[in-house]
């Protein structure tokens, strides 16, 4: 269909490409926001290729961060 990569290496290449496009934009601009969305989309495809539910992986990382933050914030 033309919308699938041949290998995980190719998907990581797309992540690298999208990161470069993001970094080329003016920080805080609408164009940078759009490119950042492309970076996230490419990373979701890495997760898909690896059999990982990207949304659940992010939720787990958020839970881990909140636990760490709560420990640090205690007097």
PDB file of N, CA and C in Angstrom:
ATOM      1  N   UNK A   1       0.816  -1.208   0.000  1.00  0.00           N
ATOM      2  CA  UNK A   1       0.000   0.000   0.000  1.00  0.00           C
ATOM      3  C   UNK A   1       0.853   1.262   0.000  1.00  0.00           C
ATOM      4  N   UNK A   2       2.165   1.127   0.249  1.00  0.00           N
ATOM      5  CA  UNK A   2       3.024   2.301   0.255  1.00  0.00           C
ATOM      6  C   UNK A   2       3.075   3.020   1.586  1.00  0.00           C
ATOM      7  N   UNK A   3       2.298   2.557   2.570  1.00  0.00           N
ATOM      8  CA  UNK A   3       2.265   3.205   3.871  1.00  0.00           C
ATOM      9  C   UNK A   3       2.919   2.356   4.954  1.00  0.00           C
ATOM     10  N   UNK A   4       3.579   1.286   4.572  1.00  0.00           N
ATOM     11  CA  UNK A   4       4.211   0.397   5.550  1.00  0.00           C
ATOM     12  C   UNK A   4       5.697   0.321   5.259  1.00  0.00           C
ATOM     13  N   UNK A   5       6.472   0.229   6.311  1.00  0.00           N
ATOM     14  CA  UNK A   5       7.913   0.087   6.171  1.00  0.00           C
ATOM     15  C   UNK A   5       8.273  -1.380   6.017  1.00  0.00           C
ATOM     16  N   UNK A   6       9.463  -1.628   5.494  1.00  0.00           N
ATOM     17  CA  UNK A   6       9.916  -3.003   5.285  1.00  0.00           C
ATOM     18  C   UNK A   6      10.539  -3.616   6.528  1.00  0.00           C
ATOM     19  N   UNK A   7      11.033  -2.765   7.440  1.00  0.00           N
ATOM     20  CA  UNK A   7      11.708  -3.289   8.625  1.00  0.00           C
ATOM     21  C   UNK A   7      11.637  -2.285   9.763  1.00  0.00           C
ATOM     22  N   UNK A   8      11.930  -2.772  10.957  1.00  0.00           N
ATOM     23  CA  UNK A   8      11.990  -1.899  12.116  1.00  0.00           C
ATOM     24  C   UNK A   8      13.092  -0.851  11.935  1.00  0.00           C
ATOM     25  N   UNK A   9      14.176  -1.232  11.305  1.00  0.00           N
ATOM     26  CA  UNK A   9      15.254  -0.279  11.021  1.00  0.00           C
ATOM     27  C   UNK A   9      14.734   0.888  10.191  1.00  0.00           C
ATOM     28  N   UNK A  10      13.881   0.595   9.227  1.00  0.00           N
ATOM     29  CA  UNK A  10      13.284   1.653   8.403  1.00  0.00           C
ATOM     30  C   UNK A  10      12.401   2.573   9.240  1.00  0.00           C
ATOM     31  N   UNK A  11      11.677   1.999  10.191  1.00  0.00           N
ATOM     32  CA  UNK A  11      10.812   2.811  11.051  1.00  0.00           C
ATOM     33  C   UNK A  11      11.668   3.738  11.906  1.00  0.00           C
ATOM     34  N   UNK A  12      12.765   3.213  12.468  1.00  0.00           N
ATOM     35  CA  UNK A  12      13.666   4.060  13.240  1.00  0.00           C
ATOM     36  C   UNK A  12      14.262   5.153  12.350  1.00  0.00           C
ATOM     37  N   UNK A  13      14.520   4.848  11.107  1.00  0.00           N
ATOM     38  CA  UNK A  13      14.995   5.862  10.169  1.00  0.00           C
ATOM     39  C   UNK A  13      13.983   6.980  10.008  1.00  0.00           C
ATOM     40  N   UNK A  14      12.709   6.617   9.980  1.00  0.00           N
ATOM     41  CA  UNK A  14      11.641   7.620   9.878  1.00  0.00           C
ATOM     42  C   UNK A  14      11.613   8.495  11.124  1.00  0.00           C
ATOM     43  N   UNK A  15      11.827   7.890  12.294  1.00  0.00           N
ATOM     44  CA  UNK A  15      11.894   8.669  13.537  1.00  0.00           C
ATOM     45  C   UNK A  15      13.020   9.702  13.429  1.00  0.00           C
ATOM     46  N   UNK A  16      14.179   9.267  12.952  1.00  0.00           N
ATOM     47  CA  UNK A  16      15.318  10.164  12.798  1.00  0.00           C
ATOM     48  C   UNK A  16      14.999  11.297  11.833  1.00  0.00           C
ATOM     49  N   UNK A  17      14.366  10.947  10.725  1.00  0.00           N
ATOM     50  CA  UNK A  17      13.972  11.948   9.724  1.00  0.00           C
ATOM     51  C   UNK A  17      13.014  12.970  10.316  1.00  0.00           C
ATOM     52  N   UNK A  18      12.007  12.476  11.028  1.00  0.00           N
ATOM     53  CA  UNK A  18      11.008  13.384  11.609  1.00  0.00           C
ATOM     54  C   UNK A  18      11.620  14.258  12.702  1.00  0.00           C
ATOM     55  N   UNK A  19      12.552  13.708  13.461  1.00  0.00           N
ATOM     56  CA  UNK A  19      13.225  14.506  14.488  1.00  0.00           C
ATOM     57  C   UNK A  19      13.995  15.657  13.843  1.00  0.00           C
ATOM     58  N   UNK A  20      14.696  15.374  12.766  1.00  0.00           N
ATOM     59  CA  UNK A  20      15.450  16.418  12.070  1.00  0.00           C
ATOM     60  C   UNK A  20      14.504  17.513  11.560  1.00  0.00           C
ATOM     61  N   UNK A  21      13.361  17.118  11.041  1.00  0.00           N
ATOM     62  CA  UNK A  21      12.388  18.101  10.562  1.00  0.00           C
ATOM     63  C   UNK A  21      11.865  18.949  11.718  1.00  0.00           C
ATOM     64  N   UNK A  22      11.612  18.312  12.852  1.00  0.00           N
ATOM     65  CA  UNK A  22      11.163  19.039  14.044  1.00  0.00           C
ATOM     66  C   UNK A  22      12.224  20.043  14.493  1.00  0.00           C
ATOM     67  N   UNK A  23      13.470  19.589  14.567  1.00  0.00           N
ATOM     68  CA  UNK A  23      14.547  20.450  15.042  1.00  0.00           C
ATOM     69  C   UNK A  23      14.835  21.615  14.090  1.00  0.00           C
ATOM     70  N   UNK A  24      14.441  21.499  12.841  1.00  0.00           N
ATOM     71  CA  UNK A  24      14.663  22.566  11.861  1.00  0.00           C
ATOM     72  C   UNK A  24      13.651  23.699  11.993  1.00  0.00           C
ATOM     73  N   UNK A  25      12.584  23.469  12.722  1.00  0.00           N
ATOM     74  CA  UNK A  25      11.530  24.482  12.855  1.00  0.00           C
ATOM     75  C   UNK A  25      11.823  25.437  14.016  1.00  0.00           C
ATOM     76  N   UNK A  26      11.201  26.584  13.961  1.00  0.00           N
ATOM     77  CA  UNK A  26      11.324  27.588  15.026  1.00  0.00           C
ATOM     78  C   UNK A  26      10.674  27.040  16.300  1.00  0.00           C
ATOM     79  N   UNK A  27      11.428  26.985  17.408  1.00  0.00           N
ATOM     80  CA  UNK A  27      10.857  26.478  18.660  1.00  0.00           C
ATOM     81  C   UNK A  27       9.568  27.212  19.034  1.00  0.00           C
ATOM     82  N   UNK A  28       8.573  26.460  19.414  1.00  0.00           N
ATOM     83  CA  UNK A  28       7.297  27.031  19.838  1.00  0.00           C
ATOM     84  C   UNK A  28       6.354  27.395  18.713  1.00  0.00           C
ATOM     85  N   UNK A  29       6.770  27.205  17.472  1.00  0.00           N
ATOM     86  CA  UNK A  29       5.929  27.582  16.334  1.00  0.00           C
ATOM     87  C   UNK A  29       4.892  26.497  16.034  1.00  0.00           C
ATOM     88  N   UNK A  30       3.904  26.891  15.256  1.00  0.00           N
ATOM     89  CA  UNK A  30       2.893  25.927  14.813  1.00  0.00           C
ATOM     90  C   UNK A  30       3.543  24.830  13.967  1.00  0.00           C
ATOM     91  N   UNK A  31       4.528  25.204  13.164  1.00  0.00           N
ATOM     92  CA  UNK A  31       5.224  24.213  12.336  1.00  0.00           C
ATOM     93  C   UNK A  31       5.975  23.211  13.216  1.00  0.00           C
ATOM     94  N   UNK A  32       6.590  23.701  14.296  1.00  0.00           N
ATOM     95  CA  UNK A  32       7.288  22.794  15.215  1.00  0.00           C
ATOM     96  C   UNK A  32       6.290  21.847  15.869  1.00  0.00           C
ATOM     97  N   UNK A  33       5.135  22.352  16.247  1.00  0.00           N
ATOM     98  CA  UNK A  33       4.103  21.503  16.857  1.00  0.00           C
ATOM     99  C   UNK A  33       3.658  20.416  15.880  1.00  0.00           C
ATOM    100  N   UNK A  34       3.480  20.791  14.626  1.00  0.00           N
ATOM    101  CA  UNK A  34       3.072  19.810  13.613  1.00  0.00           C
ATOM    102  C   UNK A  34       4.152  18.753  13.422  1.00  0.00           C
ATOM    103  N   UNK A  35       5.401  19.178  13.376  1.00  0.00           N
ATOM    104  CA  UNK A  35       6.495  18.217  13.218  1.00  0.00           C
ATOM    105  C   UNK A  35       6.632  17.323  14.450  1.00  0.00           C
ATOM    106  N   UNK A  36       6.387  17.883  15.633  1.00  0.00           N
ATOM    107  CA  UNK A  36       6.450  17.062  16.842  1.00  0.00           C
ATOM    108  C   UNK A  36       5.389  15.972  16.798  1.00  0.00           C
ATOM    109  N   UNK A  37       4.223  16.302  16.280  1.00  0.00           N
ATOM    110  CA  UNK A  37       3.187  15.286  16.090  1.00  0.00           C
ATOM    111  C   UNK A  37       3.670  14.172  15.177  1.00  0.00           C
ATOM    112  N   UNK A  38       4.426  14.532  14.139  1.00  0.00           N
ATOM    113  CA  UNK A  38       4.979  13.523  13.233  1.00  0.00           C
ATOM    114  C   UNK A  38       5.999  12.640  13.944  1.00  0.00           C
ATOM    115  N   UNK A  39       6.800  13.233  14.847  1.00  0.00           N
ATOM    116  CA  UNK A  39       7.756  12.443  15.642  1.00  0.00           C
ATOM    117  C   UNK A  39       6.997  11.428  16.489  1.00  0.00           C
ATOM    118  N   UNK A  40       5.952  11.894  17.160  1.00  0.00           N
ATOM    119  CA  UNK A  40       5.156  10.987  17.998  1.00  0.00           C
ATOM    120  C   UNK A  40       4.530   9.872  17.163  1.00  0.00           C
ATOM    121  N   UNK A  41       4.005  10.234  16.005  1.00  0.00           N
ATOM    122  CA  UNK A  41       3.387   9.236  15.139  1.00  0.00           C
ATOM    123  C   UNK A  41       4.405   8.172  14.727  1.00  0.00           C
ATOM    124  N   UNK A  42       5.619   8.614  14.391  1.00  0.00           N
ATOM    125  CA  UNK A  42       6.665   7.665  14.010  1.00  0.00           C
ATOM    126  C   UNK A  42       7.031   6.763  15.184  1.00  0.00           C
ATOM    127  N   UNK A  43       7.087   7.325  16.397  1.00  0.00           N
ATOM    128  CA  UNK A  43       7.397   6.510  17.571  1.00  0.00           C
ATOM    129  C   UNK A  43       6.288   5.497  17.875  1.00  0.00           C
ATOM    130  N   UNK A  44       5.057   5.885  17.633  1.00  0.00           N
ATOM    131  CA  UNK A  44       3.951   4.942  17.811  1.00  0.00           C
ATOM    132  C   UNK A  44       4.123   3.763  16.844  1.00  0.00           C
ATOM    133  N   UNK A  45       4.632   4.033  15.660  1.00  0.00           N
ATOM    134  CA  UNK A  45       4.873   2.946  14.716  1.00  0.00           C
ATOM    135  C   UNK A  45       6.007   2.035  15.169  1.00  0.00           C
ATOM    136  N   UNK A  46       7.025   2.587  15.843  1.00  0.00           N
ATOM    137  CA  UNK A  46       8.062   1.735  16.441  1.00  0.00           C
ATOM    138  C   UNK A  46       7.401   0.792  17.439  1.00  0.00           C
ATOM    139  N   UNK A  47       6.562   1.349  18.303  1.00  0.00           N
ATOM    140  CA  UNK A  47       5.873   0.528  19.294  1.00  0.00           C
ATOM    141  C   UNK A  47       5.054  -0.568  18.617  1.00  0.00           C
ATOM    142  N   UNK A  48       4.327  -0.198  17.589  1.00  0.00           N
ATOM    143  CA  UNK A  48       3.492  -1.181  16.873  1.00  0.00           C
ATOM    144  C   UNK A  48       4.342  -2.313  16.322  1.00  0.00           C
ATOM    145  N   UNK A  49       5.474  -1.968  15.715  1.00  0.00           N
ATOM    146  CA  UNK A  49       6.367  -2.997  15.160  1.00  0.00           C
ATOM    147  C   UNK A  49       6.919  -3.910  16.251  1.00  0.00           C
ATOM    148  N   UNK A  50       7.029  -3.369  17.471  1.00  0.00           N
ATOM    149  CA  UNK A  50       7.592  -4.144  18.584  1.00  0.00           C
ATOM    150  C   UNK A  50       6.519  -4.841  19.413  1.00  0.00           C
ATOM    151  N   UNK A  51       5.267  -4.732  18.991  1.00  0.00           N
ATOM    152  CA  UNK A  51       4.179  -5.383  19.714  1.00  0.00           C
ATOM    153  C   UNK A  51       3.824  -4.694  21.024  1.00  0.00           C
ATOM    154  N   UNK A  52       4.059  -3.394  21.087  1.00  0.00           N
ATOM    155  CA  UNK A  52       3.800  -2.614  22.296  1.00  0.00           C
ATOM    156  C   UNK A  52       2.592  -1.710  22.067  1.00  0.00           C
ATOM    157  N   UNK A  53       1.714  -1.668  23.049  1.00  0.00           N
ATOM    158  CA  UNK A  53       0.595  -0.723  23.027  1.00  0.00           C
ATOM    159  C   UNK A  53       1.162   0.630  23.467  1.00  0.00           C
ATOM    160  N   UNK A  54       1.354   1.539  22.534  1.00  0.00           N
ATOM    161  CA  UNK A  54       2.003   2.817  22.815  1.00  0.00           C
ATOM    162  C   UNK A  54       1.241   3.624  23.859  1.00  0.00           C
ATOM    163  N   UNK A  55      -0.071   3.608  23.786  1.00  0.00           N
ATOM    164  CA  UNK A  55      -0.869   4.378  24.739  1.00  0.00           C
ATOM    165  C   UNK A  55      -0.686   3.841  26.157  1.00  0.00           C
ATOM    166  N   UNK A  56      -0.687   2.519  26.304  1.00  0.00           N
ATOM    167  CA  UNK A  56      -0.486   1.924  27.625  1.00  0.00           C
ATOM    168  C   UNK A  56       0.941   2.152  28.112  1.00  0.00           C
ATOM    169  N   UNK A  57       1.909   2.083  27.220  1.00  0.00           N
ATOM    170  CA  UNK A  57       3.302   2.340  27.608  1.00  0.00           C
ATOM    171  C   UNK A  57       3.456   3.766  28.137  1.00  0.00           C
ATOM    172  N   UNK A  58       2.823   4.729  27.477  1.00  0.00           N
ATOM    173  CA  UNK A  58       2.879   6.109  27.939  1.00  0.00           C
ATOM    174  C   UNK A  58       2.167   6.260  29.282  1.00  0.00           C
ATOM    175  N   UNK A  59       1.015   5.629  29.429  1.00  0.00           N
ATOM    176  CA  UNK A  59       0.286   5.699  30.695  1.00  0.00           C
ATOM    177  C   UNK A  59       1.126   5.111  31.834  1.00  0.00           C
ATOM    178  N   UNK A  60       1.823   4.011  31.569  1.00  0.00           N
ATOM    179  CA  UNK A  60       2.678   3.398  32.591  1.00  0.00           C
ATOM    180  C   UNK A  60       3.826   4.332  32.962  1.00  0.00           C
ATOM    181  N   UNK A  61       4.408   4.995  31.980  1.00  0.00           N
ATOM    182  CA  UNK A  61       5.483   5.950  32.264  1.00  0.00           C
ATOM    183  C   UNK A  61       4.969   7.129  33.081  1.00  0.00           C
ATOM    184  N   UNK A  62       3.771   7.581  32.778  1.00  0.00           N
ATOM    185  CA  UNK A  62       3.176   8.669  33.556  1.00  0.00           C
ATOM    186  C   UNK A  62       2.948   8.252  35.000  1.00  0.00           C
ATOM    187  N   UNK A  63       2.461   7.024  35.197  1.00  0.00           N
ATOM    188  CA  UNK A  63       2.257   6.526  36.561  1.00  0.00           C
ATOM    189  C   UNK A  63       3.584   6.452  37.307  1.00  0.00           C
ATOM    190  N   UNK A  64       4.622   5.955  36.636  1.00  0.00           N
ATOM    191  CA  UNK A  64       5.947   5.853  37.248  1.00  0.00           C
ATOM    192  C   UNK A  64       6.461   7.242  37.626  1.00  0.00           C
ATOM    193  N   UNK A  65       6.306   8.217  36.735  1.00  0.00           N
ATOM    194  CA  UNK A  65       6.746   9.575  37.017  1.00  0.00           C
ATOM    195  C   UNK A  65       6.007  10.139  38.228  1.00  0.00           C
ATOM    196  N   UNK A  66       4.686   9.946  38.271  1.00  0.00           N
ATOM    197  CA  UNK A  66       3.902  10.478  39.399  1.00  0.00           C
ATOM    198  C   UNK A  66       4.352   9.861  40.715  1.00  0.00           C
ATOM    199  N   UNK A  67       4.658   8.547  40.708  1.00  0.00           N
ATOM    200  CA  UNK A  67       5.150   7.906  41.936  1.00  0.00           C
ATOM    201  C   UNK A  67       6.477   8.514  42.357  1.00  0.00           C
ATOM    202  N   UNK A  68       7.392   8.700  41.433  1.00  0.00           N
ATOM    203  CA  UNK A  68       8.694   9.285  41.741  1.00  0.00           C
ATOM    204  C   UNK A  68       8.551  10.718  42.237  1.00  0.00           C
ATOM    205  N   UNK A  69       7.695  11.480  41.588  1.00  0.00           N
ATOM    206  CA  UNK A  69       7.474  12.866  41.979  1.00  0.00           C
ATOM    207  C   UNK A  69       6.893  12.928  43.400  1.00  0.00           C
ATOM    208  N   UNK A  70       5.949  12.039  43.691  1.00  0.00           N
ATOM    209  CA  UNK A  70       5.323  12.026  45.018  1.00  0.00           C
ATOM    210  C   UNK A  70       6.376  11.707  46.088  1.00  0.00           C
ATOM    211  N   UNK A  71       7.291  10.788  45.809  1.00  0.00           N
ATOM    212  CA  UNK A  71       8.344  10.461  46.781  1.00  0.00           C
ATOM    213  C   UNK A  71       9.271  11.663  47.002  1.00  0.00           C
ATOM    214  N   UNK A  72       9.606  12.363  45.937  1.00  0.00           N
ATOM    215  CA  UNK A  72      10.504  13.512  46.041  1.00  0.00           C
ATOM    216  C   UNK A  72       9.833  14.692  46.743  1.00  0.00           C
ATOM    217  N   UNK A  73       8.522  14.821  46.582  1.00  0.00           N
ATOM    218  CA  UNK A  73       7.790  15.966  47.125  1.00  0.00           C
ATOM    219  C   UNK A  73       7.480  15.813  48.602  1.00  0.00           C
ATOM    220  N   UNK A  74       7.649  14.615  49.148  1.00  0.00           N
ATOM    221  CA  UNK A  74       7.357  14.417  50.574  1.00  0.00           C
ATOM    222  C   UNK A  74       8.386  15.169  51.407  1.00  0.00           C
ATOM    223  N   UNK A  75       7.918  15.789  52.497  1.00  0.00           N
ATOM    224  CA  UNK A  75       8.853  16.529  53.371  1.00  0.00           C
ATOM    225  C   UNK A  75       9.784  15.609  54.141  1.00  0.00           C
TER     226      UNK A  75
END
